[in-house]
Amino acid sequence: MAYSKELWDECKRKCRLNNEDIDLAKRLGLNPRSLIKNIPSKSEPWKAPVKDWLREIEAKRGKKSAQKQKRKGQAAE
């Protein structure tokens, strides 16, 4: 489902993201509502800011895909 530009703009403003972060969220398949829901409140000091949370997800997915490629290469040998 495609989300409207207005929703992405609202998300960008509320989560304090830049265009690069918005593009990353779209590539990861996240929607603007999920980003807004993950804004940490003052009572949630353990939660990372949305910008950092996006980078963590990207790193985890990159690590998983690298492991998958490695396993694929070992199986082919």
C-alpha atoms as a PDB file:
ATOM      1  CA  MET A   1       0.000   0.000   0.000  1.00  0.00           C
ATOM      2  CA  ALA A   2       1.338   3.393  -0.931  1.00  0.00           C
ATOM      3  CA  TYR A   3       1.175   5.995   1.800  1.00  0.00           C
ATOM      4  CA  SER A   4       0.422   9.612   1.031  1.00  0.00           C
ATOM      5  CA  LYS A   5       3.073  12.289   0.933  1.00  0.00           C
ATOM      6  CA  GLU A   6       1.253  14.066   3.764  1.00  0.00           C
ATOM      7  CA  LEU A   7       1.720  11.068   6.073  1.00  0.00           C
ATOM      8  CA  TRP A   8       5.424  10.874   5.233  1.00  0.00           C
ATOM      9  CA  ASP A   9       5.802  14.631   5.795  1.00  0.00           C
ATOM     10  CA  GLU A  10       4.080  14.355   9.174  1.00  0.00           C
ATOM     11  CA  CYS A  11       6.329  11.454  10.082  1.00  0.00           C
ATOM     12  CA  LYS A  12       9.402  13.392   8.970  1.00  0.00           C
ATOM     13  CA  ARG A  13       8.437  16.333  11.166  1.00  0.00           C
ATOM     14  CA  LYS A  14       7.396  14.356  14.255  1.00  0.00           C
ATOM     15  CA  CYS A  15      10.323  11.911  14.176  1.00  0.00           C
ATOM     16  CA  ARG A  16      12.865  14.584  13.208  1.00  0.00           C
ATOM     17  CA  LEU A  17      14.060  12.677  10.152  1.00  0.00           C
ATOM     18  CA  ASN A  18      15.673  13.865   6.943  1.00  0.00           C
ATOM     19  CA  ASN A  19      14.975  12.719   3.368  1.00  0.00           C
ATOM     20  CA  GLU A  20      17.705  10.076   3.584  1.00  0.00           C
ATOM     21  CA  ASP A  21      16.071   8.530   6.672  1.00  0.00           C
ATOM     22  CA  ILE A  22      12.660   8.536   4.998  1.00  0.00           C
ATOM     23  CA  ASP A  23      14.110   6.753   1.954  1.00  0.00           C
ATOM     24  CA  LEU A  24      15.731   4.184   4.264  1.00  0.00           C
ATOM     25  CA  ALA A  25      12.411   3.559   6.017  1.00  0.00           C
ATOM     26  CA  LYS A  26      10.697   3.058   2.663  1.00  0.00           C
ATOM     27  CA  ARG A  27      13.427   0.626   1.521  1.00  0.00           C
ATOM     28  CA  LEU A  28      13.010  -1.314   4.767  1.00  0.00           C
ATOM     29  CA  GLY A  29       9.282  -1.546   4.092  1.00  0.00           C
ATOM     30  CA  LEU A  30       8.200   0.463   7.114  1.00  0.00           C
ATOM     31  CA  ASN A  31       5.217   2.759   7.082  1.00  0.00           C
ATOM     32  CA  PRO A  32       4.918   6.257   8.566  1.00  0.00           C
ATOM     33  CA  ARG A  33       2.536   5.145  11.300  1.00  0.00           C
ATOM     34  CA  SER A  34       4.985   2.560  12.641  1.00  0.00           C
ATOM     35  CA  LEU A  35       7.717   5.194  12.783  1.00  0.00           C
ATOM     36  CA  ILE A  36       5.477   7.623  14.659  1.00  0.00           C
ATOM     37  CA  LYS A  37       4.464   4.888  17.120  1.00  0.00           C
ATOM     38  CA  ASN A  38       8.135   4.235  17.898  1.00  0.00           C
ATOM     39  CA  ILE A  39       8.940   7.759  19.053  1.00  0.00           C
ATOM     40  CA  PRO A  40      10.319   7.342  22.595  1.00  0.00           C
ATOM     41  CA  SER A  41       8.540   9.191  25.371  1.00  0.00           C
ATOM     42  CA  LYS A  42      10.183  10.567  28.497  1.00  0.00           C
ATOM     43  CA  SER A  43       9.060   7.474  30.430  1.00  0.00           C
ATOM     44  CA  GLU A  44      10.852   5.184  27.930  1.00  0.00           C
ATOM     45  CA  PRO A  45      14.543   6.063  28.301  1.00  0.00           C
ATOM     46  CA  TRP A  46      15.618   2.662  26.931  1.00  0.00           C
ATOM     47  CA  LYS A  47      14.088   3.377  23.532  1.00  0.00           C
ATOM     48  CA  ALA A  48      16.440   4.717  20.877  1.00  0.00           C
ATOM     49  CA  PRO A  49      15.390   7.685  18.737  1.00  0.00           C
ATOM     50  CA  VAL A  50      13.659   6.693  15.495  1.00  0.00           C
ATOM     51  CA  LYS A  51      16.722   7.679  13.421  1.00  0.00           C
ATOM     52  CA  ASP A  52      18.960   5.304  15.422  1.00  0.00           C
ATOM     53  CA  TRP A  53      16.287   2.602  15.402  1.00  0.00           C
ATOM     54  CA  LEU A  54      16.209   2.694  11.586  1.00  0.00           C
ATOM     55  CA  ARG A  55      20.003   2.328  11.415  1.00  0.00           C
ATOM     56  CA  GLU A  56      19.849  -0.682  13.784  1.00  0.00           C
ATOM     57  CA  ILE A  57      17.243  -2.391  11.613  1.00  0.00           C
ATOM     58  CA  GLU A  58      19.348  -1.748   8.503  1.00  0.00           C
ATOM     59  CA  ALA A  59      22.448  -3.191  10.185  1.00  0.00           C
ATOM     60  CA  LYS A  60      20.590  -6.298  11.372  1.00  0.00           C
ATOM     61  CA  ARG A  61      19.127  -6.955   7.934  1.00  0.00           C
ATOM     62  CA  GLY A  62      22.502  -6.415   6.283  1.00  0.00           C
ATOM     63  CA  LYS A  63      24.104  -8.869   8.676  1.00  0.00           C
ATOM     64  CA  LYS A  64      21.389 -11.455   8.030  1.00  0.00           C
ATOM     65  CA  SER A  65      21.706 -11.153   4.255  1.00  0.00           C
ATOM     66  CA  ALA A  66      25.502 -11.474   4.483  1.00  0.00           C
ATOM     67  CA  GLN A  67      25.106 -14.660   6.532  1.00  0.00           C
ATOM     68  CA  LYS A  68      22.607 -16.008   4.025  1.00  0.00           C
ATOM     69  CA  GLN A  69      24.965 -15.308   1.114  1.00  0.00           C
ATOM     70  CA  LYS A  70      27.796 -16.994   3.012  1.00  0.00           C
ATOM     71  CA  ARG A  71      25.674 -20.099   3.645  1.00  0.00           C
ATOM     72  CA  LYS A  72      24.623 -20.153  -0.021  1.00  0.00           C
ATOM     73  CA  GLY A  73      28.245 -20.015  -1.112  1.00  0.00           C
ATOM     74  CA  GLN A  74      29.204 -22.866   1.215  1.00  0.00           C
ATOM     75  CA  ALA A  75      26.329 -25.032   0.009  1.00  0.00           C
ATOM     76  CA  ALA A  76      27.361 -24.546  -3.634  1.00  0.00           C
ATOM     77  CA  GLU A  77      30.897 -25.819  -2.983  1.00  0.00           C
END
